[in-house]
Amino acid sequence: MNKTTAMVLLIVFGNLLILTLGTAQIFLMSIRPPVLGIVAIIALFAMHNAAVRFSRKRFERRFGVSAKRYILTGVLPAAAICVLLFITANVLMSFGIDSFLLWSIDSIPLEWIFLLFASGYSIFFLAAQFVILAREIW
């Protein structure tokens, strides 16, 4: 695999993984007792950060991709997409459109909840990656 193919795969699948894990938190929160759900979310977050750290080092060693470029292409777009979709959903909800992608039960838009969790996860993940990267550089 050449560098261009590796970067395209990183951009597509890295960001899709972040969006999927952010949405999966909703289902982990339904674990009873709630403490186990919180522990599962923290464990998922920690494992994802560790996996990205090892992947980032491999990309740097094998393809010459810097850590900053890895984060800007593999992590930042997911956070930007989530925040933009969250803002769009709130604007549409202010115009009275409360169900536009999936479904609504009892006037609670599930799209908004999914976007809230995905946005939160992607922003926390981006912040964690910047902290980890800063620790490696300094």
N, C-alpha and C. Protein backbone atom coordinates (compact mmCIF):
# COMPACT_ATOMS: atom_id res chain seq x y z
N MET A 1 0.85 -1.16 0.00
CA MET A 1 0.00 0.00 0.00
C MET A 1 0.90 1.23 0.00
N ASN A 2 0.54 2.19 -0.83
CA ASN A 2 1.33 3.42 -0.87
C ASN A 2 0.78 4.46 0.11
N LYS A 3 1.45 5.57 0.21
CA LYS A 3 1.10 6.59 1.20
C LYS A 3 -0.27 7.21 0.91
N THR A 4 -0.59 7.46 -0.34
CA THR A 4 -1.87 8.08 -0.68
C THR A 4 -3.04 7.18 -0.30
N THR A 5 -2.93 5.91 -0.62
CA THR A 5 -3.99 4.97 -0.26
C THR A 5 -4.15 4.87 1.25
N ALA A 6 -3.04 4.84 1.95
CA ALA A 6 -3.08 4.77 3.41
C ALA A 6 -3.75 6.00 4.01
N MET A 7 -3.48 7.17 3.47
CA MET A 7 -4.09 8.39 3.98
C MET A 7 -5.59 8.43 3.70
N VAL A 8 -6.00 7.97 2.52
CA VAL A 8 -7.43 7.94 2.20
C VAL A 8 -8.15 6.98 3.14
N LEU A 9 -7.58 5.81 3.38
CA LEU A 9 -8.18 4.84 4.29
C LEU A 9 -8.24 5.40 5.72
N LEU A 10 -7.20 6.11 6.12
CA LEU A 10 -7.19 6.74 7.44
C LEU A 10 -8.31 7.77 7.56
N ILE A 11 -8.45 8.61 6.55
CA ILE A 11 -9.47 9.65 6.60
C ILE A 11 -10.86 9.04 6.65
N VAL A 12 -11.13 8.07 5.81
CA VAL A 12 -12.47 7.50 5.74
C VAL A 12 -12.77 6.65 6.96
N PHE A 13 -11.95 5.64 7.21
CA PHE A 13 -12.28 4.69 8.27
C PHE A 13 -11.96 5.21 9.67
N GLY A 14 -10.97 6.08 9.81
CA GLY A 14 -10.69 6.66 11.11
C GLY A 14 -11.83 7.52 11.61
N ASN A 15 -12.37 8.34 10.71
CA ASN A 15 -13.47 9.21 11.10
C ASN A 15 -14.77 8.44 11.26
N LEU A 16 -15.00 7.43 10.43
CA LEU A 16 -16.20 6.60 10.61
C LEU A 16 -16.16 5.85 11.93
N LEU A 17 -14.99 5.40 12.33
CA LEU A 17 -14.87 4.70 13.61
C LEU A 17 -15.19 5.63 14.77
N ILE A 18 -14.73 6.86 14.70
CA ILE A 18 -15.02 7.83 15.76
C ILE A 18 -16.52 8.09 15.84
N LEU A 19 -17.17 8.26 14.69
CA LEU A 19 -18.61 8.50 14.69
C LEU A 19 -19.38 7.29 15.21
N THR A 20 -18.93 6.10 14.85
CA THR A 20 -19.60 4.88 15.31
C THR A 20 -19.44 4.69 16.81
N LEU A 21 -18.23 4.88 17.33
CA LEU A 21 -18.01 4.72 18.76
C LEU A 21 -18.75 5.79 19.56
N GLY A 22 -18.84 6.99 19.02
CA GLY A 22 -19.60 8.05 19.70
C GLY A 22 -21.07 7.71 19.80
N THR A 23 -21.62 7.14 18.74
CA THR A 23 -23.03 6.74 18.77
C THR A 23 -23.24 5.51 19.65
N ALA A 24 -22.26 4.63 19.70
CA ALA A 24 -22.39 3.40 20.49
C ALA A 24 -22.47 3.69 21.99
N GLN A 25 -22.05 4.86 22.41
CA GLN A 25 -22.13 5.21 23.83
C GLN A 25 -23.57 5.19 24.33
N ILE A 26 -24.51 5.51 23.48
CA ILE A 26 -25.92 5.51 23.89
C ILE A 26 -26.31 4.11 24.36
N PHE A 27 -25.87 3.12 23.61
CA PHE A 27 -26.22 1.75 23.96
C PHE A 27 -25.45 1.26 25.18
N LEU A 28 -24.23 1.77 25.36
CA LEU A 28 -23.47 1.40 26.56
C LEU A 28 -24.07 2.04 27.82
N MET A 29 -24.70 3.20 27.66
CA MET A 29 -25.32 3.85 28.82
C MET A 29 -26.55 3.07 29.32
N SER A 30 -27.10 2.21 28.48
CA SER A 30 -28.28 1.45 28.89
C SER A 30 -27.92 0.22 29.73
N ILE A 31 -26.64 -0.04 29.94
CA ILE A 31 -26.22 -1.17 30.77
C ILE A 31 -26.61 -0.88 32.22
N ARG A 32 -27.18 -1.86 32.85
CA ARG A 32 -27.57 -1.73 34.27
C ARG A 32 -26.65 -2.56 35.12
N PRO A 33 -26.18 -2.11 36.21
CA PRO A 33 -26.30 -0.79 36.84
C PRO A 33 -25.51 0.26 36.05
N PRO A 34 -25.88 1.52 36.21
CA PRO A 34 -25.27 2.59 35.42
C PRO A 34 -23.76 2.70 35.57
N VAL A 35 -23.24 2.28 36.72
CA VAL A 35 -21.79 2.35 36.93
C VAL A 35 -21.07 1.48 35.90
N LEU A 36 -21.62 0.33 35.57
CA LEU A 36 -21.00 -0.54 34.56
C LEU A 36 -21.02 0.12 33.18
N GLY A 37 -22.07 0.85 32.87
CA GLY A 37 -22.14 1.57 31.61
C GLY A 37 -21.07 2.64 31.52
N ILE A 38 -20.87 3.37 32.59
CA ILE A 38 -19.85 4.41 32.62
C ILE A 38 -18.46 3.80 32.51
N VAL A 39 -18.23 2.69 33.21
CA VAL A 39 -16.94 2.01 33.13
C VAL A 39 -16.70 1.50 31.71
N ALA A 40 -17.75 0.98 31.06
CA ALA A 40 -17.61 0.49 29.68
C ALA A 40 -17.27 1.64 28.73
N ILE A 41 -17.87 2.79 28.93
CA ILE A 41 -17.58 3.95 28.06
C ILE A 41 -16.15 4.42 28.27
N ILE A 42 -15.70 4.48 29.50
CA ILE A 42 -14.32 4.91 29.78
C ILE A 42 -13.33 3.91 29.23
N ALA A 43 -13.63 2.61 29.35
CA ALA A 43 -12.74 1.58 28.80
C ALA A 43 -12.67 1.67 27.28
N LEU A 44 -13.81 1.89 26.64
CA LEU A 44 -13.84 2.05 25.19
C LEU A 44 -13.02 3.25 24.76
N PHE A 45 -13.17 4.35 25.47
CA PHE A 45 -12.42 5.57 25.17
C PHE A 45 -10.91 5.34 25.33
N ALA A 46 -10.51 4.68 26.41
CA ALA A 46 -9.09 4.42 26.66
C ALA A 46 -8.51 3.48 25.61
N MET A 47 -9.24 2.43 25.26
CA MET A 47 -8.74 1.49 24.25
C MET A 47 -8.64 2.17 22.88
N HIS A 48 -9.59 3.02 22.56
CA HIS A 48 -9.54 3.73 21.29
C HIS A 48 -8.33 4.67 21.24
N ASN A 49 -8.06 5.38 22.34
CA ASN A 49 -6.89 6.26 22.38
C ASN A 49 -5.59 5.48 22.25
N ALA A 50 -5.51 4.35 22.92
CA ALA A 50 -4.29 3.52 22.83
C ALA A 50 -4.11 2.98 21.41
N ALA A 51 -5.18 2.53 20.79
CA ALA A 51 -5.09 2.00 19.43
C ALA A 51 -4.66 3.09 18.45
N VAL A 52 -5.18 4.29 18.61
CA VAL A 52 -4.81 5.38 17.72
C VAL A 52 -3.36 5.78 17.94
N ARG A 53 -2.90 5.72 19.16
CA ARG A 53 -1.49 6.05 19.43
C ARG A 53 -0.56 5.08 18.70
N PHE A 54 -0.85 3.79 18.79
CA PHE A 54 -0.02 2.80 18.11
C PHE A 54 -0.14 2.94 16.59
N SER A 55 -1.34 3.20 16.10
CA SER A 55 -1.54 3.40 14.67
C SER A 55 -0.80 4.63 14.18
N ARG A 56 -0.83 5.70 14.97
CA ARG A 56 -0.14 6.93 14.60
C ARG A 56 1.36 6.70 14.50
N LYS A 57 1.93 5.95 15.43
CA LYS A 57 3.36 5.66 15.38
C LYS A 57 3.71 4.80 14.17
N ARG A 58 2.81 3.86 13.84
CA ARG A 58 3.06 3.00 12.67
C ARG A 58 2.99 3.83 11.39
N PHE A 59 2.01 4.73 11.28
CA PHE A 59 1.92 5.59 10.11
C PHE A 59 3.17 6.45 9.99
N GLU A 60 3.67 6.93 11.10
CA GLU A 60 4.86 7.78 11.07
C GLU A 60 6.07 6.98 10.61
N ARG A 61 6.20 5.77 11.11
CA ARG A 61 7.36 4.94 10.78
C ARG A 61 7.27 4.42 9.34
N ARG A 62 6.08 3.96 8.93
CA ARG A 62 5.96 3.28 7.64
C ARG A 62 5.74 4.23 6.47
N PHE A 63 4.93 5.27 6.66
CA PHE A 63 4.59 6.15 5.54
C PHE A 63 5.15 7.56 5.68
N GLY A 64 5.78 7.88 6.79
CA GLY A 64 6.33 9.21 6.97
C GLY A 64 5.29 10.28 7.25
N VAL A 65 4.14 9.88 7.79
CA VAL A 65 3.08 10.83 8.11
C VAL A 65 3.32 11.35 9.53
N SER A 66 3.43 12.65 9.66
CA SER A 66 3.67 13.22 10.99
C SER A 66 2.45 13.03 11.88
N ALA A 67 2.69 13.12 13.18
CA ALA A 67 1.60 12.94 14.15
C ALA A 67 0.56 14.06 14.01
N LYS A 68 1.01 15.27 13.74
CA LYS A 68 0.07 16.38 13.57
C LYS A 68 -0.82 16.15 12.35
N ARG A 69 -0.24 15.71 11.27
CA ARG A 69 -1.02 15.45 10.06
C ARG A 69 -1.98 14.28 10.27
N TYR A 70 -1.55 13.28 11.02
CA TYR A 70 -2.41 12.13 11.33
C TYR A 70 -3.66 12.59 12.06
N ILE A 71 -3.48 13.44 13.06
CA ILE A 71 -4.62 13.93 13.84
C ILE A 71 -5.50 14.85 13.00
N LEU A 72 -4.89 15.70 12.20
CA LEU A 72 -5.67 16.63 11.38
C LEU A 72 -6.49 15.92 10.31
N THR A 73 -6.04 14.76 9.86
CA THR A 73 -6.80 14.05 8.83
C THR A 73 -7.64 12.90 9.38
N GLY A 74 -7.19 12.27 10.46
CA GLY A 74 -7.88 11.10 10.98
C GLY A 74 -8.82 11.35 12.13
N VAL A 75 -8.73 12.52 12.76
CA VAL A 75 -9.54 12.79 13.95
C VAL A 75 -10.35 14.08 13.81
N LEU A 76 -9.76 15.12 13.32
CA LEU A 76 -10.43 16.42 13.25
C LEU A 76 -11.68 16.45 12.38
N PRO A 77 -11.70 15.82 11.20
CA PRO A 77 -12.94 15.88 10.40
C PRO A 77 -14.16 15.30 11.10
N ALA A 78 -13.99 14.25 11.89
CA ALA A 78 -15.13 13.67 12.60
C ALA A 78 -15.72 14.66 13.59
N ALA A 79 -14.86 15.37 14.31
CA ALA A 79 -15.34 16.37 15.26
C ALA A 79 -16.05 17.51 14.53
N ALA A 80 -15.48 17.95 13.42
CA ALA A 80 -16.10 19.04 12.66
C ALA A 80 -17.45 18.62 12.09
N ILE A 81 -17.53 17.41 11.55
CA ILE A 81 -18.79 16.91 10.99
C ILE A 81 -19.85 16.82 12.08
N CYS A 82 -19.48 16.26 13.22
CA CYS A 82 -20.44 16.10 14.32
C CYS A 82 -20.96 17.45 14.81
N VAL A 83 -20.08 18.39 14.99
CA VAL A 83 -20.50 19.71 15.49
C VAL A 83 -21.40 20.40 14.46
N LEU A 84 -21.03 20.32 13.19
CA LEU A 84 -21.88 20.93 12.16
C LEU A 84 -23.24 20.26 12.07
N LEU A 85 -23.30 18.94 12.16
CA LEU A 85 -24.58 18.25 12.15
C LEU A 85 -25.41 18.57 13.38
N PHE A 86 -24.75 18.70 14.54
CA PHE A 86 -25.46 19.06 15.77
C PHE A 86 -26.06 20.45 15.65
N ILE A 87 -25.31 21.40 15.12
CA ILE A 87 -25.82 22.76 14.92
C ILE A 87 -26.97 22.74 13.92
N THR A 88 -26.83 21.99 12.84
CA THR A 88 -27.89 21.89 11.83
C THR A 88 -29.16 21.29 12.43
N ALA A 89 -29.01 20.25 13.24
CA ALA A 89 -30.18 19.62 13.87
C ALA A 89 -30.88 20.60 14.80
N ASN A 90 -30.11 21.38 15.56
CA ASN A 90 -30.72 22.38 16.45
C ASN A 90 -31.44 23.47 15.67
N VAL A 91 -30.87 23.91 14.56
CA VAL A 91 -31.52 24.93 13.73
C VAL A 91 -32.81 24.37 13.14
N LEU A 92 -32.77 23.15 12.62
CA LEU A 92 -33.97 22.53 12.06
C LEU A 92 -35.04 22.33 13.13
N MET A 93 -34.62 21.96 14.33
CA MET A 93 -35.58 21.79 15.42
C MET A 93 -36.21 23.11 15.82
N SER A 94 -35.47 24.21 15.69
CA SER A 94 -36.04 25.51 16.03
C SER A 94 -37.11 25.93 15.02
N PHE A 95 -37.07 25.36 13.81
CA PHE A 95 -38.10 25.63 12.81
C PHE A 95 -39.24 24.62 12.87
N GLY A 96 -39.24 23.74 13.86
CA GLY A 96 -40.32 22.80 14.04
C GLY A 96 -40.13 21.45 13.40
N ILE A 97 -38.98 21.22 12.80
CA ILE A 97 -38.69 19.91 12.20
C ILE A 97 -38.02 19.07 13.28
N ASP A 98 -38.79 18.19 13.94
CA ASP A 98 -38.19 17.44 15.04
C ASP A 98 -37.81 16.02 14.65
N SER A 99 -38.07 15.59 13.46
CA SER A 99 -37.71 14.25 13.04
C SER A 99 -37.33 14.30 11.57
N PHE A 100 -36.04 14.21 11.28
CA PHE A 100 -35.65 14.35 9.88
C PHE A 100 -34.79 13.21 9.35
N LEU A 101 -34.10 12.47 10.18
CA LEU A 101 -33.27 11.39 9.66
C LEU A 101 -33.78 10.01 10.05
N LEU A 102 -34.05 9.82 11.31
CA LEU A 102 -34.43 8.48 11.77
C LEU A 102 -35.90 8.44 12.15
N TRP A 103 -36.20 8.61 13.40
CA TRP A 103 -37.57 8.56 13.87
C TRP A 103 -37.64 9.32 15.20
N SER A 104 -38.85 9.58 15.64
CA SER A 104 -39.05 10.22 16.93
C SER A 104 -40.08 9.44 17.71
N ILE A 105 -39.82 9.28 18.97
CA ILE A 105 -40.76 8.61 19.86
C ILE A 105 -41.17 9.62 20.92
N ASP A 106 -42.46 9.87 21.01
CA ASP A 106 -43.01 10.83 21.98
C ASP A 106 -42.35 12.20 21.85
N SER A 107 -42.12 12.63 20.64
CA SER A 107 -41.56 13.95 20.33
C SER A 107 -40.15 14.15 20.87
N ILE A 108 -39.43 13.08 21.16
CA ILE A 108 -38.02 13.19 21.53
C ILE A 108 -37.21 12.81 20.30
N PRO A 109 -36.56 13.78 19.69
CA PRO A 109 -35.82 13.46 18.47
C PRO A 109 -34.56 12.65 18.78
N LEU A 110 -34.56 11.41 18.34
CA LEU A 110 -33.40 10.55 18.58
C LEU A 110 -32.18 11.01 17.79
N GLU A 111 -32.39 11.69 16.66
CA GLU A 111 -31.26 12.20 15.89
C GLU A 111 -30.45 13.18 16.74
N TRP A 112 -31.15 14.00 17.50
CA TRP A 112 -30.48 14.99 18.34
C TRP A 112 -29.66 14.30 19.41
N ILE A 113 -30.20 13.24 20.00
CA ILE A 113 -29.47 12.51 21.04
C ILE A 113 -28.25 11.81 20.45
N PHE A 114 -28.41 11.18 19.28
CA PHE A 114 -27.27 10.54 18.62
C PHE A 114 -26.18 11.55 18.31
N LEU A 115 -26.58 12.71 17.79
CA LEU A 115 -25.61 13.74 17.45
C LEU A 115 -24.94 14.31 18.69
N LEU A 116 -25.68 14.41 19.79
CA LEU A 116 -25.11 14.91 21.03
C LEU A 116 -24.01 13.98 21.53
N PHE A 117 -24.28 12.69 21.55
CA PHE A 117 -23.28 11.74 22.02
C PHE A 117 -22.09 11.66 21.05
N ALA A 118 -22.35 11.63 19.76
CA ALA A 118 -21.26 11.56 18.77
C ALA A 118 -20.40 12.82 18.82
N SER A 119 -21.04 13.99 18.98
CA SER A 119 -20.28 15.24 19.08
C SER A 119 -19.41 15.26 20.33
N GLY A 120 -20.00 14.86 21.44
CA GLY A 120 -19.23 14.84 22.69
C GLY A 120 -18.05 13.90 22.62
N TYR A 121 -18.27 12.69 22.09
CA TYR A 121 -17.18 11.72 21.99
C TYR A 121 -16.09 12.23 21.06
N SER A 122 -16.47 12.76 19.90
CA SER A 122 -15.45 13.20 18.95
C SER A 122 -14.66 14.39 19.47
N ILE A 123 -15.30 15.29 20.20
CA ILE A 123 -14.58 16.44 20.75
C ILE A 123 -13.65 16.00 21.88
N PHE A 124 -14.14 15.13 22.78
CA PHE A 124 -13.27 14.62 23.85
C PHE A 124 -12.11 13.81 23.27
N PHE A 125 -12.40 13.04 22.23
CA PHE A 125 -11.34 12.24 21.61
C PHE A 125 -10.30 13.15 20.95
N LEU A 126 -10.73 14.19 20.27
CA LEU A 126 -9.81 15.14 19.66
C LEU A 126 -8.96 15.82 20.73
N ALA A 127 -9.58 16.23 21.83
CA ALA A 127 -8.83 16.86 22.92
C ALA A 127 -7.82 15.89 23.52
N ALA A 128 -8.23 14.64 23.72
CA ALA A 128 -7.31 13.64 24.27
C ALA A 128 -6.13 13.41 23.33
N GLN A 129 -6.40 13.38 22.04
CA GLN A 129 -5.30 13.17 21.09
C GLN A 129 -4.33 14.34 21.08
N PHE A 130 -4.84 15.56 21.21
CA PHE A 130 -3.96 16.72 21.29
C PHE A 130 -3.12 16.68 22.57
N VAL A 131 -3.71 16.25 23.68
CA VAL A 131 -2.95 16.14 24.93
C VAL A 131 -1.88 15.07 24.81
N ILE A 132 -2.24 13.92 24.26
CA ILE A 132 -1.26 12.84 24.10
C ILE A 132 -0.15 13.27 23.16
N LEU A 133 -0.50 13.94 22.08
CA LEU A 133 0.50 14.42 21.14
C LEU A 133 1.41 15.45 21.78
N ALA A 134 0.84 16.35 22.57
CA ALA A 134 1.65 17.35 23.25
C ALA A 134 2.62 16.69 24.24
N ARG A 135 2.17 15.66 24.92
CA ARG A 135 3.07 14.94 25.84
C ARG A 135 4.19 14.26 25.09
N GLU A 136 3.92 13.73 23.90
CA GLU A 136 4.97 13.07 23.12
C GLU A 136 5.97 14.07 22.58
N ILE A 137 5.51 15.24 22.18
CA ILE A 137 6.41 16.24 21.60
C ILE A 137 7.28 16.89 22.67
N TRP A 138 6.68 17.24 23.81
CA TRP A 138 7.42 17.95 24.85
C TRP A 138 8.13 16.95 25.68
